[in-house]
């Protein structure tokens, strides 16, 4: 059975939530091409997802919703 991509995304996002006071940033790539960048803001307990191709920014306060968006961008 192939490992779950969604589980890996969620694990990376969860690690970001352990940040103490500085925003944490992660880039998500597919075949060496950046698809999006996610920033976690601990003071707001929220995520900001920036789509690399268009520059569109989305804000989320739910880790599951961010993970789904990243998954769709990588799909």
Protein backbone atom coordinates (compact mmCIF):
# COMPACT_ATOMS: atom_id res chain seq x y z
CA UNK A 1 0.00 0.00 0.00
CA UNK A 2 1.25 3.47 -0.92
CA UNK A 3 1.86 5.95 1.90
CA UNK A 4 -0.74 8.68 2.33
CA UNK A 5 0.26 12.06 0.92
CA UNK A 6 -2.40 13.75 3.04
CA UNK A 7 -0.92 12.32 6.25
CA UNK A 8 2.49 13.76 5.35
CA UNK A 9 0.98 17.18 4.68
CA UNK A 10 -0.87 17.17 8.00
CA UNK A 11 2.29 16.13 9.87
CA UNK A 12 4.25 19.04 8.34
CA UNK A 13 1.47 21.47 9.25
CA UNK A 14 1.22 20.14 12.82
CA UNK A 15 4.95 20.70 13.36
CA UNK A 16 4.40 24.33 12.37
CA UNK A 17 1.83 24.76 15.16
CA UNK A 18 4.52 24.10 17.77
CA UNK A 19 6.14 27.45 16.94
CA UNK A 20 6.48 29.69 19.95
CA UNK A 21 6.39 33.26 18.72
CA UNK A 22 7.72 33.57 15.16
CA UNK A 23 5.70 32.66 12.04
CA UNK A 24 6.67 29.30 10.56
CA UNK A 25 6.88 28.86 6.78
CA UNK A 26 6.76 25.69 4.68
CA UNK A 27 6.93 25.33 0.91
CA UNK A 28 5.14 22.52 -0.87
CA UNK A 29 6.53 21.34 -4.22
CA UNK A 30 5.60 18.88 -6.93
CA UNK A 31 8.42 17.58 -9.12
CA UNK A 32 10.69 20.41 -7.97
CA UNK A 33 8.15 23.14 -8.74
CA UNK A 34 6.79 25.13 -5.81
CA UNK A 35 2.99 24.95 -5.79
CA UNK A 36 2.26 26.86 -2.60
CA UNK A 37 3.71 28.29 0.57
CA UNK A 38 2.05 28.01 3.97
CA UNK A 39 2.75 30.33 6.88
CA UNK A 40 1.52 29.64 10.41
CA UNK A 41 0.94 32.64 12.69
CA UNK A 42 1.04 31.42 16.31
CA UNK A 43 -0.32 34.67 17.79
CA UNK A 44 -3.47 34.27 15.66
CA UNK A 45 -3.47 30.46 15.59
CA UNK A 46 -4.09 30.66 11.84
CA UNK A 47 -2.57 29.59 8.54
CA UNK A 48 -1.98 31.62 5.40
CA UNK A 49 -1.66 29.73 2.13
CA UNK A 50 -0.16 31.51 -0.87
CA UNK A 51 -0.65 29.89 -4.24
CA UNK A 52 2.69 30.21 -6.04
CA UNK A 53 1.36 30.42 -9.59
CA UNK A 54 -1.20 33.19 -9.06
CA UNK A 55 -0.11 34.78 -5.79
CA UNK A 56 -3.61 34.28 -4.37
CA UNK A 57 -3.66 34.21 -0.56
CA UNK A 58 -6.10 32.22 1.57
CA UNK A 59 -6.48 32.35 5.38
CA UNK A 60 -7.54 29.34 7.45
CA UNK A 61 -8.06 28.64 11.13
CA UNK A 62 -8.52 24.89 10.58
CA UNK A 63 -5.54 22.62 9.88
CA UNK A 64 -7.70 20.13 7.98
CA UNK A 65 -8.86 22.76 5.49
CA UNK A 66 -5.27 23.89 4.84
CA UNK A 67 -4.18 20.28 4.33
CA UNK A 68 -6.97 19.69 1.81
CA UNK A 69 -6.03 22.82 -0.16
CA UNK A 70 -2.35 21.83 -0.25
CA UNK A 71 -3.30 18.29 -1.28
CA UNK A 72 -5.43 19.60 -4.16
CA UNK A 73 -2.63 21.88 -5.35
CA UNK A 74 -0.21 18.96 -5.38
CA UNK A 75 -2.67 16.67 -7.17
